[in-house]
Amino acid sequence: MTELSKNTELQQSCITAVMRSAFYTPTLEEFHVGFECEWQCKIRNETWNKQICDIDLINIAYDAIEHADEEEPFEEQFRVKYLNKEDFENLNFTREFATMSDILKTGCEVYKNDTLNLNIAHYKELNKISICTIDFSKNKTKSSWDENQVNLITAKNKSELQYILIRLGFSQADA
């Protein structure tokens, strides 16, 4: 093997490792109509395709778990992208700033949606978010995290964030 091919192989394995860390294998409990995931069928030589779950794809997921196949295990058929900056931007949030959480001892990125009057602190390493409504009557430039905060909710992906926002009364149409 030449030095160039060794280097290319190493670069490819690094790219693969980074790609894997951006995704996780969902649990069956996460699947619902509207759930965003990626699916592939290696037997049919398909590559990863973004999917929004319907009943048929949910049935495929249940079958993949129930009838585990050594040639094509569930982990190689389904994956979900972890919540990231692109997902917040797709939901009309803008990144305000990044900081270090003194309490949680981890990095935090704060996103803002002026239309919904919301700030969301995203603790990426923990797969958690905190949501704060912006109360302009108290301070026109700063929100009060203590008084108006929903604290540390697990949100691993965009589908979970959308679900949480809807359950709190914020629809995507409002954004």
Protein backbone atom coordinates (compact mmCIF):
# COMPACT_ATOMS: atom_id res chain seq x y z
CA MET A 1 0.00 0.00 0.00
CA THR A 2 1.43 3.38 -0.98
CA GLU A 3 1.75 6.30 1.41
CA LEU A 4 -0.90 8.20 -0.56
CA SER A 5 -3.45 5.38 -0.32
CA LYS A 6 -2.77 5.01 3.45
CA ASN A 7 -3.37 8.74 3.88
CA THR A 8 -6.57 8.63 1.81
CA GLU A 9 -7.83 5.63 3.80
CA LEU A 10 -7.13 7.44 7.09
CA GLN A 11 -8.96 10.57 5.87
CA GLN A 12 -11.96 8.45 4.84
CA SER A 13 -12.11 6.75 8.25
CA CYS A 14 -12.00 10.16 9.98
CA ILE A 15 -14.85 11.43 7.80
CA THR A 16 -16.86 8.29 8.60
CA ALA A 17 -16.26 8.76 12.35
CA VAL A 18 -17.45 12.37 12.19
CA MET A 19 -20.54 11.34 10.20
CA ARG A 20 -21.37 8.64 12.75
CA SER A 21 -21.07 11.07 15.65
CA ALA A 22 -23.63 13.38 14.02
CA PHE A 23 -26.19 10.55 14.04
CA TYR A 24 -27.59 8.00 16.47
CA THR A 25 -29.76 4.90 16.18
CA PRO A 26 -33.29 5.72 17.32
CA THR A 27 -35.25 3.55 19.72
CA LEU A 28 -38.53 2.11 18.53
CA GLU A 29 -40.39 4.36 21.02
CA GLU A 30 -39.18 7.44 19.13
CA PHE A 31 -40.99 6.49 15.91
CA HIS A 32 -44.25 8.30 15.20
CA VAL A 33 -46.01 9.76 12.17
CA GLY A 34 -44.00 12.87 11.27
CA PHE A 35 -40.74 11.65 12.87
CA GLU A 36 -37.70 12.65 10.79
CA CYS A 37 -35.07 9.99 10.26
CA GLU A 38 -32.83 8.52 7.60
CA TRP A 39 -33.37 5.04 6.22
CA GLN A 40 -31.41 2.77 3.93
CA CYS A 41 -31.82 -0.72 2.59
CA LYS A 42 -28.41 -2.26 1.89
CA ILE A 43 -29.96 -5.38 0.35
CA ARG A 44 -31.33 -3.13 -2.42
CA ASN A 45 -28.06 -1.12 -2.52
CA GLU A 46 -29.82 2.03 -1.31
CA THR A 47 -28.01 4.86 0.44
CA TRP A 48 -29.25 6.97 3.34
CA ASN A 49 -32.43 8.85 2.44
CA LYS A 50 -34.17 11.47 4.56
CA GLN A 51 -37.65 10.29 5.50
CA ILE A 52 -40.60 11.71 7.36
CA CYS A 53 -42.25 8.68 8.91
CA ASP A 54 -45.63 7.50 7.76
CA ILE A 55 -47.39 4.32 8.83
CA ASP A 56 -45.53 2.22 6.24
CA LEU A 57 -42.06 3.28 7.43
CA ILE A 58 -43.07 2.74 11.07
CA ASN A 59 -44.17 -0.79 10.14
CA ILE A 60 -40.79 -1.37 8.46
CA ALA A 61 -39.04 -0.22 11.66
CA TYR A 62 -41.17 -2.56 13.80
CA ASP A 63 -40.46 -5.46 11.42
CA ALA A 64 -36.72 -4.69 11.45
CA ILE A 65 -36.71 -4.95 15.25
CA GLU A 66 -39.06 -7.92 15.50
CA HIS A 67 -37.36 -9.97 12.79
CA ALA A 68 -33.75 -9.04 13.46
CA ASP A 69 -31.61 -9.82 10.44
CA GLU A 70 -27.88 -10.47 10.76
CA GLU A 71 -27.28 -9.27 7.19
CA GLU A 72 -29.07 -5.98 7.78
CA PRO A 73 -29.46 -5.11 11.48
CA PHE A 74 -31.72 -2.28 12.62
CA GLU A 75 -28.68 -0.08 13.41
CA GLU A 76 -27.68 -0.19 9.75
CA GLN A 77 -31.17 0.67 8.48
CA PHE A 78 -32.22 3.66 10.57
CA ARG A 79 -30.42 6.70 11.94
CA VAL A 80 -31.36 10.16 13.18
CA LYS A 81 -29.34 13.37 13.02
CA TYR A 82 -28.67 14.95 16.40
CA LEU A 83 -30.22 18.39 16.96
CA ASN A 84 -27.89 21.06 15.55
CA LYS A 85 -27.64 24.67 14.39
CA GLU A 86 -29.20 23.87 11.01
CA ASP A 87 -32.33 22.46 12.72
CA PHE A 88 -32.77 25.61 14.80
CA GLU A 89 -32.36 27.76 11.68
CA ASN A 90 -34.98 25.65 9.85
CA LEU A 91 -37.37 26.51 12.69
CA ASN A 92 -36.59 30.25 12.31
CA PHE A 93 -34.26 30.56 15.28
CA THR A 94 -31.02 32.52 15.03
CA ARG A 95 -27.91 31.77 17.05
CA GLU A 96 -27.39 34.53 19.59
CA PHE A 97 -24.23 33.40 21.36
CA ALA A 98 -22.32 30.46 22.82
CA THR A 99 -21.32 30.23 26.46
CA MET A 100 -20.23 27.81 29.15
CA SER A 101 -22.83 26.71 31.67
CA ASP A 102 -21.41 27.17 35.17
CA ILE A 103 -24.01 24.86 36.70
CA LEU A 104 -23.86 22.06 34.11
CA LYS A 105 -20.14 22.50 33.29
CA THR A 106 -20.79 22.14 29.58
CA GLY A 107 -21.04 24.28 26.47
CA CYS A 108 -24.31 25.95 25.60
CA GLU A 109 -25.56 27.71 22.46
CA VAL A 110 -28.46 30.14 22.77
CA TYR A 111 -30.93 30.53 19.90
CA LYS A 112 -33.63 33.20 19.60
CA ASN A 113 -36.92 33.44 17.73
CA ASP A 114 -38.27 36.99 17.92
CA THR A 115 -41.62 36.05 16.36
CA LEU A 116 -42.32 33.45 19.06
CA ASN A 117 -40.60 35.51 21.78
CA LEU A 118 -38.48 32.50 22.72
CA ASN A 119 -34.88 31.79 23.61
CA ILE A 120 -33.61 28.22 23.64
CA ALA A 121 -30.37 27.19 25.31
CA HIS A 122 -29.02 24.05 23.63
CA TYR A 123 -26.69 21.85 25.68
CA LYS A 124 -25.48 19.75 22.74
CA GLU A 125 -23.29 17.34 24.72
CA LEU A 126 -26.20 16.51 27.04
CA ASN A 127 -28.94 16.40 24.36
CA LYS A 128 -30.89 18.87 26.50
CA ILE A 129 -32.53 22.24 25.98
CA SER A 130 -33.93 24.97 28.21
CA ILE A 131 -36.68 27.18 26.83
CA CYS A 132 -37.29 30.72 28.02
CA THR A 133 -40.04 33.09 26.98
CA ILE A 134 -38.95 36.68 26.50
CA ASP A 135 -40.89 39.03 28.75
CA PHE A 136 -40.46 42.45 27.17
CA SER A 137 -42.46 44.16 29.94
CA LYS A 138 -39.63 43.52 32.45
CA ASN A 139 -36.63 44.25 30.29
CA LYS A 140 -36.72 45.10 26.62
CA THR A 141 -33.34 43.61 25.80
CA LYS A 142 -32.93 40.62 28.09
CA SER A 143 -35.12 37.70 29.07
CA SER A 144 -35.49 36.41 32.59
CA TRP A 145 -34.36 32.79 32.55
CA ASP A 146 -35.33 32.28 36.20
CA GLU A 147 -38.98 33.34 35.95
CA ASN A 148 -39.96 32.14 32.48
CA GLN A 149 -37.94 28.99 31.97
CA VAL A 150 -38.80 25.41 31.11
CA ASN A 151 -35.72 23.65 32.40
CA LEU A 152 -33.61 20.86 30.86
CA ILE A 153 -35.82 18.92 28.49
CA THR A 154 -34.30 16.08 26.49
CA ALA A 155 -34.34 16.95 22.78
CA LYS A 156 -32.00 14.81 20.71
CA ASN A 157 -33.38 15.74 17.30
CA LYS A 158 -35.48 18.22 15.32
CA SER A 159 -38.66 16.13 15.59
CA GLU A 160 -38.45 16.17 19.38
CA LEU A 161 -37.88 19.94 19.43
CA GLN A 162 -40.90 20.50 17.17
CA TYR A 163 -43.03 18.27 19.39
CA ILE A 164 -41.98 20.14 22.54
CA LEU A 165 -42.72 23.54 20.97
CA ILE A 166 -46.16 22.38 19.83
CA ARG A 167 -46.96 20.92 23.28
CA LEU A 168 -46.01 24.29 24.83
CA GLY A 169 -48.44 26.05 22.49
CA PHE A 170 -46.05 27.33 19.82
CA SER A 171 -46.92 26.20 16.32
CA GLN A 172 -44.57 26.29 13.36
CA ALA A 173 -47.10 28.49 11.56
CA ASP A 174 -46.49 31.17 14.22
CA ALA A 175 -42.78 31.22 13.49
